[in-house]
Amino acid sequence: NQAQMIKQAQKMQQDMMKMQEELENKEYEASAG
């Protein structure tokens, strides 16, 4: 039903925001030569 869909979408949005914050705080390294 719509209430379940909205609840699921809100959870997905919260999970995405948390994941984005975690990924933004990570560092990535590469080398050349």
Full PDB file with SEQRES, HELIX, SHEET, SSBOND, CRYST1, ORIGX, SCALE, CONECT and MASTER records, all heavy atoms in Angstrom:
SEQRES   1 A   33  ASN GLN ALA GLN MET ILE LYS GLN ALA GLN LYS MET GLN          
SEQRES   2 A   33  GLN ASP MET MET LYS MET GLN GLU GLU LEU GLU ASN LYS          
SEQRES   3 A   33  GLU TYR GLU ALA SER ALA GLY                                  
HELIX    1 AA1 GLN A    2  ASN A   25  1                                  24    
CRYST1    1.000    1.000    1.000  90.00  90.00  90.00 P 1           1          
ORIGX1      1.000000  0.000000  0.000000        0.00000                         
ORIGX2      0.000000  1.000000  0.000000        0.00000                         
ORIGX3      0.000000  0.000000  1.000000        0.00000                         
SCALE1      1.000000  0.000000  0.000000        0.00000                         
SCALE2      0.000000  1.000000  0.000000        0.00000                         
SCALE3      0.000000  0.000000  1.000000        0.00000                         
ATOM      1  N   ASN A   1       0.837  -1.196   0.000  1.00  0.00           N  
ATOM      2  CA  ASN A   1       0.000   0.000   0.000  1.00  0.00           C  
ATOM      3  C   ASN A   1       0.875   1.250   0.000  1.00  0.00           C  
ATOM      4  O   ASN A   1       2.092   1.181   0.170  1.00  0.00           O  
ATOM      5  CB  ASN A   1      -1.004  -0.019   1.154  1.00  0.00           C  
ATOM      6  CG  ASN A   1      -0.337   0.114   2.521  1.00  0.00           C  
ATOM      7  OD1 ASN A   1       0.680   0.780   2.668  1.00  0.00           O  
ATOM      8  ND2 ASN A   1      -0.939  -0.502   3.518  1.00  0.00           N  
ATOM      9  N   GLN A   2       0.251   2.392  -0.165  1.00  0.00           N  
ATOM     10  CA  GLN A   2       1.001   3.643  -0.272  1.00  0.00           C  
ATOM     11  C   GLN A   2       1.815   3.951   0.976  1.00  0.00           C  
ATOM     12  O   GLN A   2       2.945   4.425   0.885  1.00  0.00           O  
ATOM     13  CB  GLN A   2       0.044   4.807  -0.552  1.00  0.00           C  
ATOM     14  CG  GLN A   2      -0.320   4.913  -2.003  1.00  0.00           C  
ATOM     15  CD  GLN A   2      -1.148   6.153  -2.263  1.00  0.00           C  
ATOM     16  OE1 GLN A   2      -1.991   6.533  -1.445  1.00  0.00           O  
ATOM     17  NE2 GLN A   2      -0.905   6.778  -3.391  1.00  0.00           N  
ATOM     18  N   ALA A   3       1.272   3.692   2.149  1.00  0.00           N  
ATOM     19  CA  ALA A   3       1.988   3.981   3.388  1.00  0.00           C  
ATOM     20  C   ALA A   3       3.272   3.152   3.473  1.00  0.00           C  
ATOM     21  O   ALA A   3       4.320   3.659   3.871  1.00  0.00           O  
ATOM     22  CB  ALA A   3       1.106   3.709   4.596  1.00  0.00           C  
ATOM     23  N   GLN A   4       3.186   1.895   3.059  1.00  0.00           N  
ATOM     24  CA  GLN A   4       4.377   1.043   3.061  1.00  0.00           C  
ATOM     25  C   GLN A   4       5.410   1.552   2.057  1.00  0.00           C  
ATOM     26  O   GLN A   4       6.607   1.548   2.335  1.00  0.00           O  
ATOM     27  CB  GLN A   4       4.011  -0.402   2.723  1.00  0.00           C  
ATOM     28  CG  GLN A   4       3.267  -1.123   3.827  1.00  0.00           C  
ATOM     29  CD  GLN A   4       2.777  -2.486   3.364  1.00  0.00           C  
ATOM     30  OE1 GLN A   4       2.273  -2.642   2.251  1.00  0.00           O  
ATOM     31  NE2 GLN A   4       2.919  -3.484   4.236  1.00  0.00           N  
ATOM     32  N   MET A   5       4.927   1.981   0.896  1.00  0.00           N  
ATOM     33  CA  MET A   5       5.836   2.495  -0.134  1.00  0.00           C  
ATOM     34  C   MET A   5       6.544   3.755   0.349  1.00  0.00           C  
ATOM     35  O   MET A   5       7.751   3.913   0.156  1.00  0.00           O  
ATOM     36  CB  MET A   5       5.072   2.779  -1.436  1.00  0.00           C  
ATOM     37  CG  MET A   5       4.707   1.524  -2.192  1.00  0.00           C  
ATOM     38  SD  MET A   5       3.708   1.836  -3.667  1.00  0.00           S  
ATOM     39  CE  MET A   5       4.718   2.994  -4.558  1.00  0.00           C  
ATOM     40  N   ILE A   6       5.815   4.640   0.988  1.00  0.00           N  
ATOM     41  CA  ILE A   6       6.399   5.886   1.497  1.00  0.00           C  
ATOM     42  C   ILE A   6       7.422   5.585   2.575  1.00  0.00           C  
ATOM     43  O   ILE A   6       8.524   6.138   2.591  1.00  0.00           O  
ATOM     44  CB  ILE A   6       5.301   6.844   2.003  1.00  0.00           C  
ATOM     45  CG1 ILE A   6       4.483   7.372   0.819  1.00  0.00           C  
ATOM     46  CG2 ILE A   6       5.893   7.987   2.809  1.00  0.00           C  
ATOM     47  CD1 ILE A   6       3.239   8.124   1.203  1.00  0.00           C  
ATOM     48  N   LYS A   7       7.075   4.662   3.476  1.00  0.00           N  
ATOM     49  CA  LYS A   7       7.994   4.284   4.547  1.00  0.00           C  
ATOM     50  C   LYS A   7       9.270   3.676   3.965  1.00  0.00           C  
ATOM     51  O   LYS A   7      10.385   3.992   4.393  1.00  0.00           O  
ATOM     52  CB  LYS A   7       7.301   3.297   5.492  1.00  0.00           C  
ATOM     53  CG  LYS A   7       8.070   2.997   6.750  1.00  0.00           C  
ATOM     54  CD  LYS A   7       7.239   2.140   7.691  1.00  0.00           C  
ATOM     55  CE  LYS A   7       7.985   1.921   8.988  1.00  0.00           C  
ATOM     56  NZ  LYS A   7       7.193   1.160   9.951  1.00  0.00           N  
ATOM     57  N   GLN A   8       9.130   2.826   2.965  1.00  0.00           N  
ATOM     58  CA  GLN A   8      10.284   2.194   2.332  1.00  0.00           C  
ATOM     59  C   GLN A   8      11.141   3.250   1.614  1.00  0.00           C  
ATOM     60  O   GLN A   8      12.373   3.209   1.689  1.00  0.00           O  
ATOM     61  CB  GLN A   8       9.837   1.123   1.348  1.00  0.00           C  
ATOM     62  CG  GLN A   8      10.984   0.326   0.766  1.00  0.00           C  
ATOM     63  CD  GLN A   8      10.497  -0.796  -0.130  1.00  0.00           C  
ATOM     64  OE1 GLN A   8       9.364  -0.787  -0.610  1.00  0.00           O  
ATOM     65  NE2 GLN A   8      11.364  -1.762  -0.372  1.00  0.00           N  
ATOM     66  N   ALA A   9      10.510   4.196   0.937  1.00  0.00           N  
ATOM     67  CA  ALA A   9      11.242   5.260   0.242  1.00  0.00           C  
ATOM     68  C   ALA A   9      11.995   6.144   1.236  1.00  0.00           C  
ATOM     69  O   ALA A   9      13.132   6.550   0.984  1.00  0.00           O  
ATOM     70  CB  ALA A   9      10.282   6.100  -0.596  1.00  0.00           C  
ATOM     71  N   GLN A  10      11.375   6.441   2.377  1.00  0.00           N  
ATOM     72  CA  GLN A  10      12.038   7.258   3.397  1.00  0.00           C  
ATOM     73  C   GLN A  10      13.245   6.527   3.974  1.00  0.00           C  
ATOM     74  O   GLN A  10      14.298   7.126   4.182  1.00  0.00           O  
ATOM     75  CB  GLN A  10      11.050   7.625   4.508  1.00  0.00           C  
ATOM     76  CG  GLN A  10      10.024   8.651   4.085  1.00  0.00           C  
ATOM     77  CD  GLN A  10       8.934   8.860   5.115  1.00  0.00           C  
ATOM     78  OE1 GLN A  10       8.666   8.002   5.957  1.00  0.00           O  
ATOM     79  NE2 GLN A  10       8.277  10.016   5.044  1.00  0.00           N  
ATOM     80  N   LYS A  11      13.113   5.239   4.204  1.00  0.00           N  
ATOM     81  CA  LYS A  11      14.239   4.453   4.717  1.00  0.00           C  
ATOM     82  C   LYS A  11      15.368   4.433   3.695  1.00  0.00           C  
ATOM     83  O   LYS A  11      16.540   4.601   4.050  1.00  0.00           O  
ATOM     84  CB  LYS A  11      13.823   3.030   5.056  1.00  0.00           C  
ATOM     85  CG  LYS A  11      15.022   2.146   5.398  1.00  0.00           C  
ATOM     86  CD  LYS A  11      14.743   1.151   6.452  1.00  0.00           C  
ATOM     87  CE  LYS A  11      15.863   0.218   6.789  1.00  0.00           C  
ATOM     88  NZ  LYS A  11      17.212   0.645   6.696  1.00  0.00           N  
ATOM     89  N   MET A  12      15.032   4.249   2.426  1.00  0.00           N  
ATOM     90  CA  MET A  12      16.041   4.241   1.377  1.00  0.00           C  
ATOM     91  C   MET A  12      16.758   5.592   1.319  1.00  0.00           C  
ATOM     92  O   MET A  12      17.978   5.651   1.191  1.00  0.00           O  
ATOM     93  CB  MET A  12      15.422   3.928   0.008  1.00  0.00           C  
ATOM     94  CG  MET A  12      16.464   3.790  -1.102  1.00  0.00           C  
ATOM     95  SD  MET A  12      15.771   3.533  -2.742  1.00  0.00           S  
ATOM     96  CE  MET A  12      14.902   2.001  -2.535  1.00  0.00           C  
ATOM     97  N   GLN A  13      16.008   6.671   1.466  1.00  0.00           N  
ATOM     98  CA  GLN A  13      16.597   8.009   1.446  1.00  0.00           C  
ATOM     99  C   GLN A  13      17.562   8.187   2.629  1.00  0.00           C  
ATOM    100  O   GLN A  13      18.663   8.702   2.466  1.00  0.00           O  
ATOM    101  CB  GLN A  13      15.516   9.078   1.481  1.00  0.00           C  
ATOM    102  CG  GLN A  13      16.061  10.483   1.388  1.00  0.00           C  
ATOM    103  CD  GLN A  13      14.968  11.528   1.409  1.00  0.00           C  
ATOM    104  OE1 GLN A  13      13.849  11.284   1.862  1.00  0.00           O  
ATOM    105  NE2 GLN A  13      15.275  12.717   0.917  1.00  0.00           N  
ATOM    106  N   GLN A  14      17.163   7.728   3.809  1.00  0.00           N  
ATOM    107  CA  GLN A  14      18.036   7.823   4.990  1.00  0.00           C  
ATOM    108  C   GLN A  14      19.300   6.993   4.794  1.00  0.00           C  
ATOM    109  O   GLN A  14      20.405   7.439   5.103  1.00  0.00           O  
ATOM    110  CB  GLN A  14      17.287   7.359   6.243  1.00  0.00           C  
ATOM    111  CG  GLN A  14      16.213   8.300   6.699  1.00  0.00           C  
ATOM    112  CD  GLN A  14      15.356   7.696   7.816  1.00  0.00           C  
ATOM    113  OE1 GLN A  14      15.425   6.500   8.092  1.00  0.00           O  
ATOM    114  NE2 GLN A  14      14.544   8.533   8.454  1.00  0.00           N  
ATOM    115  N   ASP A  15      19.140   5.783   4.260  1.00  0.00           N  
ATOM    116  CA  ASP A  15      20.283   4.915   4.006  1.00  0.00           C  
ATOM    117  C   ASP A  15      21.226   5.545   2.982  1.00  0.00           C  
ATOM    118  O   ASP A  15      22.450   5.479   3.127  1.00  0.00           O  
ATOM    119  CB  ASP A  15      19.836   3.536   3.513  1.00  0.00           C  
ATOM    120  CG  ASP A  15      19.144   2.710   4.591  1.00  0.00           C  
ATOM    121  OD1 ASP A  15      19.226   3.084   5.788  1.00  0.00           O  
ATOM    122  OD2 ASP A  15      18.509   1.701   4.238  1.00  0.00           O  
ATOM    123  N   MET A  16      20.666   6.164   1.957  1.00  0.00           N  
ATOM    124  CA  MET A  16      21.480   6.811   0.933  1.00  0.00           C  
ATOM    125  C   MET A  16      22.262   7.991   1.510  1.00  0.00           C  
ATOM    126  O   MET A  16      23.438   8.168   1.200  1.00  0.00           O  
ATOM    127  CB  MET A  16      20.601   7.273  -0.242  1.00  0.00           C  
ATOM    128  CG  MET A  16      20.139   6.134  -1.116  1.00  0.00           C  
ATOM    129  SD  MET A  16      18.942   6.593  -2.396  1.00  0.00           S  
ATOM    130  CE  MET A  16      19.735   7.968  -3.187  1.00  0.00           C  
ATOM    131  N   MET A  17      21.628   8.778   2.360  1.00  0.00           N  
ATOM    132  CA  MET A  17      22.306   9.921   2.961  1.00  0.00           C  
ATOM    133  C   MET A  17      23.445   9.454   3.865  1.00  0.00           C  
ATOM    134  O   MET A  17      24.539  10.024   3.842  1.00  0.00           O  
ATOM    135  CB  MET A  17      21.307  10.786   3.725  1.00  0.00           C  
ATOM    136  CG  MET A  17      20.352  11.548   2.813  1.00  0.00           C  
ATOM    137  SD  MET A  17      19.023  12.424   3.671  1.00  0.00           S  
ATOM    138  CE  MET A  17      19.926  13.515   4.728  1.00  0.00           C  
ATOM    139  N   LYS A  18      23.206   8.400   4.629  1.00  0.00           N  
ATOM    140  CA  LYS A  18      24.238   7.859   5.509  1.00  0.00           C  
ATOM    141  C   LYS A  18      25.401   7.317   4.691  1.00  0.00           C  
ATOM    142  O   LYS A  18      26.567   7.582   4.988  1.00  0.00           O  
ATOM    143  CB  LYS A  18      23.651   6.758   6.396  1.00  0.00           C  
ATOM    144  CG  LYS A  18      24.649   6.165   7.365  1.00  0.00           C  
ATOM    145  CD  LYS A  18      24.021   5.083   8.212  1.00  0.00           C  
ATOM    146  CE  LYS A  18      25.068   4.449   9.115  1.00  0.00           C  
ATOM    147  NZ  LYS A  18      24.571   3.254   9.767  1.00  0.00           N  
ATOM    148  N   MET A  19      25.100   6.561   3.636  1.00  0.00           N  
ATOM    149  CA  MET A  19      26.135   5.989   2.780  1.00  0.00           C  
ATOM    150  C   MET A  19      26.937   7.102   2.106  1.00  0.00           C  
ATOM    151  O   MET A  19      28.165   7.040   2.049  1.00  0.00           O  
ATOM    152  CB  MET A  19      25.516   5.083   1.718  1.00  0.00           C  
ATOM    153  CG  MET A  19      26.498   4.574   0.681  1.00  0.00           C  
ATOM    154  SD  MET A  19      27.661   3.355   1.296  1.00  0.00           S  
ATOM    155  CE  MET A  19      26.600   1.943   1.417  1.00  0.00           C  
ATOM    156  N   GLN A  20      26.262   8.138   1.634  1.00  0.00           N  
ATOM    157  CA  GLN A  20      26.949   9.241   0.978  1.00  0.00           C  
ATOM    158  C   GLN A  20      27.914   9.932   1.943  1.00  0.00           C  
ATOM    159  O   GLN A  20      29.046  10.240   1.585  1.00  0.00           O  
ATOM    160  CB  GLN A  20      25.948  10.250   0.421  1.00  0.00           C  
ATOM    161  CG  GLN A  20      26.611  11.358  -0.374  1.00  0.00           C  
ATOM    162  CD  GLN A  20      25.602  12.246  -1.069  1.00  0.00           C  
ATOM    163  OE1 GLN A  20      24.398  12.085  -0.926  1.00  0.00           O  
ATOM    164  NE2 GLN A  20      26.095  13.188  -1.826  1.00  0.00           N  
ATOM    165  N   GLU A  21      27.471  10.138   3.160  1.00  0.00           N  
ATOM    166  CA  GLU A  21      28.332  10.772   4.167  1.00  0.00           C  
ATOM    167  C   GLU A  21      29.560   9.911   4.447  1.00  0.00           C  
ATOM    168  O   GLU A  21      30.686  10.416   4.516  1.00  0.00           O  
ATOM    169  CB  GLU A  21      27.552  11.011   5.460  1.00  0.00           C  
ATOM    170  CG  GLU A  21      28.346  11.755   6.513  1.00  0.00           C  
ATOM    171  CD  GLU A  21      27.531  12.006   7.773  1.00  0.00           C  
ATOM    172  OE1 GLU A  21      26.305  12.173   7.679  1.00  0.00           O  
ATOM    173  OE2 GLU A  21      28.144  12.014   8.856  1.00  0.00           O  
ATOM    174  N   GLU A  22      29.348   8.604   4.585  1.00  0.00           N  
ATOM    175  CA  GLU A  22      30.470   7.697   4.830  1.00  0.00           C  
ATOM    176  C   GLU A  22      31.458   7.724   3.666  1.00  0.00           C  
ATOM    177  O   GLU A  22      32.673   7.764   3.867  1.00  0.00           O  
ATOM    178  CB  GLU A  22      29.969   6.268   5.048  1.00  0.00           C  
ATOM    179  CG  GLU A  22      29.257   6.071   6.362  1.00  0.00           C  
ATOM    180  CD  GLU A  22      28.614   4.694   6.490  1.00  0.00           C  
ATOM    181  OE1 GLU A  22      28.786   3.835   5.585  1.00  0.00           O  
ATOM    182  OE2 GLU A  22      27.916   4.469   7.490  1.00  0.00           O  
ATOM    183  N   LEU A  23      30.938   7.690   2.444  1.00  0.00           N  
ATOM    184  CA  LEU A  23      31.806   7.681   1.270  1.00  0.00           C  
ATOM    185  C   LEU A  23      32.550   9.005   1.098  1.00  0.00           C  
ATOM    186  O   LEU A  23      33.689   9.025   0.651  1.00  0.00           O  
ATOM    187  CB  LEU A  23      30.993   7.357   0.014  1.00  0.00           C  
ATOM    188  CG  LEU A  23      30.458   5.931  -0.056  1.00  0.00           C  
ATOM    189  CD1 LEU A  23      29.471   5.782  -1.202  1.00  0.00           C  
ATOM    190  CD2 LEU A  23      31.592   4.925  -0.188  1.00  0.00           C  
ATOM    191  N   GLU A  24      31.909  10.111   1.460  1.00  0.00           N  
ATOM    192  CA  GLU A  24      32.564  11.414   1.353  1.00  0.00           C  
ATOM    193  C   GLU A  24      33.712  11.542   2.342  1.00  0.00           C  
ATOM    194  O   GLU A  24      34.652  12.295   2.116  1.00  0.00           O  
ATOM    195  CB  GLU A  24      31.559  12.547   1.563  1.00  0.00           C  
ATOM    196  CG  GLU A  24      30.648  12.767   0.373  1.00  0.00           C  
ATOM    197  CD  GLU A  24      29.629  13.873   0.602  1.00  0.00           C  
ATOM    198  OE1 GLU A  24      29.500  14.375   1.739  1.00  0.00           O  
ATOM    199  OE2 GLU A  24      28.936  14.218  -0.377  1.00  0.00           O  
ATOM    200  N   ASN A  25      33.654  10.821   3.445  1.00  0.00           N  
ATOM    201  CA  ASN A  25      34.707  10.887   4.452  1.00  0.00           C  
ATOM    202  C   ASN A  25      35.871   9.937   4.165  1.00  0.00           C  
ATOM    203  O   ASN A  25      36.888  10.000   4.845  1.00  0.00           O  
ATOM    204  CB  ASN A  25      34.132  10.619   5.843  1.00  0.00           C  
ATOM    205  CG  ASN A  25      33.255  11.760   6.315  1.00  0.00           C  
ATOM    206  OD1 ASN A  25      33.528  12.919   6.032  1.00  0.00           O  
ATOM    207  ND2 ASN A  25      32.185  11.425   7.007  1.00  0.00           N  
ATOM    208  N   LYS A  26      35.726   9.072   3.187  1.00  0.00           N  
ATOM    209  CA  LYS A  26      36.797   8.151   2.829  1.00  0.00           C  
ATOM    210  C   LYS A  26      37.810   8.850   1.931  1.00  0.00           C  
ATOM    211  O   LYS A  26      37.519   9.866   1.308  1.00  0.00           O  
ATOM    212  CB  LYS A  26      36.238   6.937   2.074  1.00  0.00           C  
ATOM    213  CG  LYS A  26      35.522   5.942   2.968  1.00  0.00           C  
ATOM    214  CD  LYS A  26      34.993   4.775   2.179  1.00  0.00           C  
ATOM    215  CE  LYS A  26      36.118   3.883   1.694  1.00  0.00           C  
ATOM    216  NZ  LYS A  26      35.626   2.672   1.016  1.00  0.00           N  
ATOM    217  N   GLU A  27      39.014   8.281   1.870  1.00  0.00           N  
ATOM    218  CA  GLU A  27      40.042   8.771   0.953  1.00  0.00           C  
ATOM    219  C   GLU A  27      40.408   7.648  -0.004  1.00  0.00           C  
ATOM    220  O   GLU A  27      40.380   6.473   0.357  1.00  0.00           O  
ATOM    221  CB  GLU A  27      41.278   9.256   1.713  1.00  0.00           C  
ATOM    222  CG  GLU A  27      41.031  10.537   2.460  1.00  0.00           C  
ATOM    223  CD  GLU A  27      42.302  11.124   3.078  1.00  0.00           C  
ATOM    224  OE1 GLU A  27      43.395  10.545   2.917  1.00  0.00           O  
ATOM    225  OE2 GLU A  27      42.181  12.166   3.736  1.00  0.00           O  
ATOM    226  N   TYR A  28      40.766   8.033  -1.214  1.00  0.00           N  
ATOM    227  CA  TYR A  28      41.116   7.096  -2.270  1.00  0.00           C  
ATOM    228  C   TYR A  28      42.483   7.487  -2.806  1.00  0.00           C  
ATOM    229  O   TYR A  28      42.759   8.665  -3.024  1.00  0.00           O  
ATOM    230  CB  TYR A  28      40.058   7.139  -3.382  1.00  0.00           C  
ATOM    231  CG  TYR A  28      38.663   6.910  -2.840  1.00  0.00           C  
ATOM    232  CD1 TYR A  28      37.904   7.973  -2.355  1.00  0.00           C  
ATOM    233  CD2 TYR A  28      38.138   5.635  -2.762  1.00  0.00           C  
ATOM    234  CE1 TYR A  28      36.644   7.758  -1.814  1.00  0.00           C  
ATOM    235  CE2 TYR A  28      36.875   5.416  -2.230  1.00  0.00           C  
ATOM    236  CZ  TYR A  28      36.128   6.485  -1.758  1.00  0.00           C  
ATOM    237  OH  TYR A  28      34.896   6.272  -1.224  1.00  0.00           O  
ATOM    238  N   GLU A  29      43.344   6.489  -3.012  1.00  0.00           N  
ATOM    239  CA  GLU A  29      44.712   6.769  -3.440  1.00  0.00           C  
ATOM    240  C   GLU A  29      45.020   6.044  -4.738  1.00  0.00           C  
ATOM    241  O   GLU A  29      44.545   4.933  -4.976  1.00  0.00           O  
ATOM    242  CB  GLU A  29      45.700   6.332  -2.362  1.00  0.00           C  
ATOM    243  CG  GLU A  29      47.147   6.659  -2.703  1.00  0.00           C  
ATOM    244  CD  GLU A  29      48.103   6.317  -1.577  1.00  0.00           C  
ATOM    245  OE1 GLU A  29      48.012   6.949  -0.516  1.00  0.00           O  
ATOM    246  OE2 GLU A  29      48.927   5.407  -1.788  1.00  0.00           O  
ATOM    247  N   ALA A  30      45.833   6.683  -5.555  1.00  0.00           N  
ATOM    248  CA  ALA A  30      46.316   6.067  -6.782  1.00  0.00           C  
ATOM    249  C   ALA A  30      47.717   6.592  -7.042  1.00  0.00           C  
ATOM    250  O   ALA A  30      48.103   7.649  -6.531  1.00  0.00           O  
ATOM    251  CB  ALA A  30      45.395   6.396  -7.950  1.00  0.00           C  
ATOM    252  N   SER A  31      48.472   5.823  -7.825  1.00  0.00           N  
ATOM    253  CA  SER A  31      49.830   6.255  -8.151  1.00  0.00           C  
ATOM    254  C   SER A  31      50.064   6.146  -9.646  1.00  0.00           C  
ATOM    255  O   SER A  31      49.313   5.478 -10.360  1.00  0.00           O  
ATOM    256  CB  SER A  31      50.854   5.422  -7.387  1.00  0.00           C  
ATOM    257  OG  SER A  31      50.785   4.074  -7.787  1.00  0.00           O  
ATOM    258  N   ALA A  32      51.112   6.807 -10.097  1.00  0.00           N  
ATOM    259  CA  ALA A  32      51.513   6.764 -11.498  1.00  0.00           C  
ATOM    260  C   ALA A  32      53.033   6.758 -11.551  1.00  0.00           C  
ATOM    261  O   ALA A  32      53.704   7.111 -10.580  1.00  0.00           O  
ATOM    262  CB  ALA A  32      50.955   7.971 -12.243  1.00  0.00           C  
ATOM    263  N   GLY A  33      53.556   6.345 -12.695  1.00  0.00           N  
ATOM    264  CA  GLY A  33      55.004   6.331 -12.862  1.00  0.00           C  
ATOM    265  C   GLY A  33      55.677   5.331 -11.948  1.00  0.00           C  
ATOM    266  O   GLY A  33      56.740   5.617 -11.404  1.00  0.00           O  
TER     267      GLY A  33                                                      
MASTER        0    0    0    1    0    0    0    6  266    1    0    3          
END                                                                             
